[in-house]
Each structure stands twice: as structure tokens, then as C-alpha cells.
Amino acid sequence: MPEKLTIGDCSTLDVSGAHNVVYAIPAEEHDDGIPHVFVWGNVGSGMPMLAYHDRWLYVGHVLQKAVPEEVERVLREHEDEILKALEAYRGSEWDGRNIVGKWQHALDAWGDAEVELHSVREALSEVATFWDASDWFTAVSFEDYVSGDDLDATVDFELTDALREGAHLEAGNVRDYLVWAAQQYVDKHEDDEEVSEHLRIARIWAAQG
């Protein structure tokens, strides 16, 4: 079955001052005759010339650390809304200074898509973002995430729990952090008169580093 919408590069620009904007390109504006959608990263408030001249459609913004696979998933899930918004494109024409895009029932592409793309923009704003484990767990004490002897099971649980909160963690990064945190806990409580359950588990985890 022919592809209705091509999803291009969804990686983001993760530097200070960067803005990551999702644009859709009408079929008439692409060489292969198929609508495209992709993430455009830029430092500052600029935009591509074709977007400025309304020949591309503004779809929404994503955060700097957005997970590309999650951005692509959202765009694919909302493919019908994006294609519906692009149906308003009426081609381009010379306005005396530039070749500009024309859209039905609107002065420009920005105004025309508000209704069709509202749900897409909301979903893009909630896309999971990359986190370093040391940042994610910074406000959590060791006792709060100890659930048993099985370190790998704890890693899996924390990955799933974080994703529900919109945070994408790497398994190896989480495991390394938990081993480090366990060693810190052992060093702090090694001389305690009684061996607590937390200290017992911390010793098991720390030994797996």
C-alpha cells in the first residue's frame, strides 16, 4: 500500500536556546508528490523560508530532549489529522515578491490548521523526554526505590514507572546509578549496630557493580 504520509527525521536539537518545530510539507511542495512531516531544529526564533512563505505547515513544537521514536509514534497516530489539515493547501503563486502558499479559508497556514491540529500539538507537547538517571532520582532516597533483592527487576520497574511520567531512561544508566546508590548506602550504614533490610539489599546490589 502506498505511503500516505512520510515521516522524516524526528531527532531534536538539544542545545541552549534551541527550538524544535514540527512542519508538514504538502504533497505539491515535495518532489515525490507525497506529504512529509519532520522535526526542524534551530537556535533562536527563525524559521525555514518555505514555512515563512506558508508553503510548509506548522504542526507543533517538541521539547529539546524528546525521544525521536516517541515523536514518530505520535505523528503516525495523528496521521489523519495532519493529512486533513494539508487538504486546505491550494498551491503556491507569485505575490509580486515571493512564491507563497495559498490555503483555503485562511490567510496563511498557521491559522488554517488550528482546529485539525489541536490534538496533535497537545500530544507532541507530552512526548517522553530523555533523562539521566542521576537527575531523575535526585530527589529520591535509596529506601524509596528498593523493592527486593532482584536488581534487574527493579531496573525494569523504574523504566516503566518513569515512562508513565513522561521520562525515558536508559536501562544501563539506571542500573549503574542503582549500583552506585547502593554502594553509597552501604558506606553510610556499614557500621550500624543492626543490619536493616535496606542495608542487606544494598550490599547485594553493590556487589553487582
Protein backbone atom coordinates (compact mmCIF):
# COMPACT_ATOMS: atom_id res chain seq x y z
CA MET A 1 0.00 0.00 0.00
CA PRO A 2 1.45 3.41 -0.96
CA GLU A 3 2.54 5.56 1.95
CA LYS A 4 0.06 8.39 2.66
CA LEU A 5 2.43 10.43 4.81
CA THR A 6 6.22 10.21 5.00
CA ILE A 7 7.64 10.84 8.46
CA GLY A 8 11.15 12.19 8.21
CA ASP A 9 13.83 12.95 10.79
CA CYS A 10 12.32 13.25 14.27
CA SER A 11 15.55 13.91 16.18
CA THR A 12 15.78 17.15 18.11
CA LEU A 13 18.42 19.81 18.59
CA ASP A 14 19.43 19.68 22.25
CA VAL A 15 21.43 22.85 22.87
CA SER A 16 20.76 26.04 24.79
CA GLY A 17 18.22 28.25 23.06
CA ALA A 18 17.10 25.58 20.61
CA HIS A 19 13.55 25.35 19.32
CA ASN A 20 12.30 22.14 17.72
CA VAL A 21 9.37 22.63 15.42
CA VAL A 22 7.34 20.02 13.55
CA TYR A 23 6.48 21.02 9.99
CA ALA A 24 4.34 19.27 7.39
CA ILE A 25 5.13 19.65 3.70
CA PRO A 26 2.15 19.45 1.30
CA ALA A 27 2.45 16.89 -1.48
CA GLU A 28 2.57 19.71 -4.02
CA GLU A 29 5.71 21.08 -2.38
CA HIS A 30 7.69 17.82 -2.33
CA ASP A 31 9.50 16.19 -5.24
CA ASP A 32 8.00 12.75 -4.63
CA GLY A 33 4.42 14.02 -4.52
CA ILE A 34 3.83 12.63 -1.02
CA PRO A 35 3.16 14.78 2.08
CA HIS A 36 6.05 14.80 4.53
CA VAL A 37 6.33 15.70 8.21
CA PHE A 38 9.54 16.15 10.22
CA VAL A 39 11.23 17.99 13.10
CA TRP A 40 13.21 21.13 12.29
CA GLY A 41 15.65 22.29 14.97
CA ASN A 42 17.00 25.81 15.20
CA VAL A 43 18.73 28.03 17.73
CA GLY A 44 16.77 31.24 18.06
CA SER A 45 13.40 32.30 16.71
CA GLY A 46 13.97 31.82 12.97
CA MET A 47 12.08 29.52 10.64
CA PRO A 48 12.64 27.92 7.23
CA MET A 49 11.92 30.23 4.31
CA LEU A 50 9.26 27.89 2.90
CA ALA A 51 7.45 27.90 6.24
CA TYR A 52 7.70 31.71 6.39
CA HIS A 53 6.05 31.87 2.96
CA ASP A 54 3.29 29.45 4.05
CA ARG A 55 4.40 26.62 1.77
CA TRP A 56 5.00 24.40 4.78
CA LEU A 57 2.53 23.84 7.61
CA TYR A 58 3.34 24.41 11.27
CA VAL A 59 2.26 21.30 13.19
CA GLY A 60 3.64 21.89 16.69
CA HIS A 61 6.67 22.02 18.99
CA VAL A 62 8.55 19.27 20.82
CA LEU A 63 10.92 19.56 23.77
CA GLN A 64 14.70 19.52 23.29
CA LYS A 65 15.15 16.07 24.83
CA ALA A 66 12.13 14.49 23.15
CA VAL A 67 12.59 10.82 22.25
CA PRO A 68 12.59 10.59 18.41
CA GLU A 69 10.76 7.25 18.36
CA GLU A 70 8.02 8.74 20.55
CA VAL A 71 7.71 11.80 18.29
CA GLU A 72 7.38 9.49 15.28
CA ARG A 73 4.75 7.40 17.09
CA VAL A 74 2.64 10.46 17.87
CA LEU A 75 2.86 11.72 14.29
CA ARG A 76 1.85 8.33 12.93
CA GLU A 77 -1.06 8.08 15.37
CA HIS A 78 -2.26 11.52 14.24
CA GLU A 79 -1.56 10.99 10.56
CA ASP A 80 -5.21 11.53 9.57
CA GLU A 81 -5.41 14.93 11.30
CA ILE A 82 -2.20 16.10 9.62
CA LEU A 83 -3.40 14.97 6.19
CA LYS A 84 -6.77 16.62 6.80
CA ALA A 85 -5.07 19.92 7.61
CA LEU A 86 -2.93 19.64 4.47
CA GLU A 87 -6.07 19.26 2.33
CA ALA A 88 -6.57 23.00 2.74
CA TYR A 89 -3.45 23.72 0.70
CA ARG A 90 -4.25 25.33 -2.64
CA GLY A 91 -0.77 25.51 -4.13
CA SER A 92 1.60 28.43 -4.44
CA GLU A 93 1.70 31.60 -6.53
CA TRP A 94 3.86 34.65 -7.13
CA ASP A 95 2.72 37.58 -4.98
CA GLY A 96 4.96 40.14 -6.63
CA ARG A 97 7.90 39.49 -4.33
CA ASN A 98 7.94 35.79 -3.42
CA ILE A 99 6.33 32.47 -4.22
CA VAL A 100 3.84 32.00 -1.39
CA GLY A 101 1.46 29.23 -0.39
CA LYS A 102 -2.31 29.61 -0.51
CA TRP A 103 -4.68 27.95 1.93
CA GLN A 104 -8.44 27.57 1.86
CA HIS A 105 -10.46 29.70 4.31
CA ALA A 106 -7.38 31.29 5.87
CA LEU A 107 -4.82 33.96 5.23
CA ASP A 108 -1.98 31.58 5.97
CA ALA A 109 -1.09 28.07 7.05
CA TRP A 110 -0.78 28.99 10.74
CA GLY A 111 -4.41 29.99 11.10
CA ASP A 112 -5.93 27.26 8.96
CA ALA A 113 -4.70 24.27 10.95
CA GLU A 114 -5.73 25.29 14.47
CA VAL A 115 -8.78 23.02 14.69
CA GLU A 116 -7.40 19.99 12.85
CA LEU A 117 -4.04 20.00 14.64
CA HIS A 118 -5.09 20.83 18.21
CA SER A 119 -4.89 17.20 19.38
CA VAL A 120 -1.59 16.68 17.54
CA ARG A 121 0.02 19.68 19.24
CA GLU A 122 -1.20 18.56 22.63
CA ALA A 123 0.21 15.06 22.10
CA LEU A 124 3.56 16.41 20.87
CA SER A 125 3.88 18.58 23.97
CA GLU A 126 3.59 15.45 26.14
CA VAL A 127 6.13 13.27 24.30
CA ALA A 128 8.53 11.44 26.63
CA THR A 129 11.96 13.05 27.05
CA PHE A 130 15.40 11.62 27.73
CA TRP A 131 16.56 11.79 31.37
CA ASP A 132 19.79 10.85 33.04
CA ALA A 133 19.19 8.54 35.98
CA SER A 134 21.16 10.79 38.34
CA ASP A 135 18.77 13.64 37.54
CA TRP A 136 15.63 11.52 37.67
CA PHE A 137 16.43 10.01 41.08
CA THR A 138 17.98 13.12 42.59
CA ALA A 139 15.07 13.80 44.97
CA VAL A 140 14.50 10.14 45.88
CA SER A 141 16.20 8.35 48.76
CA PHE A 142 17.62 4.86 48.37
CA GLU A 143 14.90 3.39 50.57
CA ASP A 144 12.18 4.72 48.25
CA TYR A 145 13.08 2.55 45.27
CA VAL A 146 14.30 -0.61 46.99
CA SER A 147 11.68 -3.28 46.36
CA GLY A 148 13.62 -6.54 46.67
CA ASP A 149 16.84 -8.40 46.03
CA ASP A 150 16.41 -8.52 42.25
CA LEU A 151 18.27 -5.52 40.84
CA ASP A 152 17.21 -6.19 37.24
CA ALA A 153 13.53 -6.36 38.24
CA THR A 154 13.90 -3.01 39.98
CA VAL A 155 15.50 -1.53 36.87
CA ASP A 156 12.59 -2.75 34.73
CA PHE A 157 10.06 -1.34 37.17
CA GLU A 158 11.76 2.06 37.30
CA LEU A 159 11.96 2.26 33.50
CA THR A 160 8.23 1.57 33.17
CA ASP A 161 7.29 3.88 36.02
CA ALA A 162 9.39 6.74 34.62
CA LEU A 163 7.87 6.35 31.16
CA ARG A 164 4.42 6.76 32.67
CA GLU A 165 5.66 10.10 33.97
CA GLY A 166 6.96 11.12 30.53
CA ALA A 167 10.63 10.30 31.19
CA HIS A 168 12.71 7.97 29.02
CA LEU A 169 15.59 6.34 30.93
CA GLU A 170 18.26 4.01 29.58
CA ALA A 171 18.40 0.62 31.32
CA GLY A 172 22.18 0.56 31.63
CA ASN A 173 22.23 4.09 33.03
CA VAL A 174 19.59 3.21 35.62
CA ARG A 175 21.38 0.03 36.63
CA ASP A 176 24.70 1.83 37.06
CA TYR A 177 23.04 4.51 39.15
CA LEU A 178 21.30 2.00 41.42
CA VAL A 179 24.56 0.11 41.98
CA TRP A 180 26.31 3.40 42.80
CA ALA A 181 23.49 4.46 45.15
CA ALA A 182 23.62 1.07 46.85
CA GLN A 183 27.34 1.43 47.46
CA GLN A 184 26.79 4.90 48.91
CA TYR A 185 24.17 3.46 51.22
CA VAL A 186 26.49 0.66 52.30
CA ASP A 187 29.32 3.10 53.03
CA LYS A 188 27.00 5.23 55.13
CA HIS A 189 25.41 2.43 57.16
CA GLU A 190 28.13 -0.24 57.26
CA ASP A 191 28.84 0.44 60.93
CA ASP A 192 25.21 0.39 62.04
CA GLU A 193 24.66 -1.92 65.02
CA GLU A 194 21.78 -3.69 63.30
CA VAL A 195 21.70 -4.75 59.67
CA SER A 196 18.48 -3.37 58.22
CA GLU A 197 16.66 -4.91 55.26
CA HIS A 198 17.71 -1.93 53.16
CA LEU A 199 21.37 -2.45 54.06
CA ARG A 200 21.13 -6.15 53.25
CA ILE A 201 19.73 -5.39 49.78
CA ALA A 202 22.21 -2.57 49.26
CA ARG A 203 25.08 -4.98 49.79
CA ILE A 204 23.62 -7.37 47.19
CA TRP A 205 23.19 -4.60 44.64
CA ALA A 206 26.56 -3.00 45.28
CA ALA A 207 28.27 -6.35 44.70
CA GLN A 208 26.87 -6.38 41.15
CA GLY A 209 28.82 -3.31 40.09
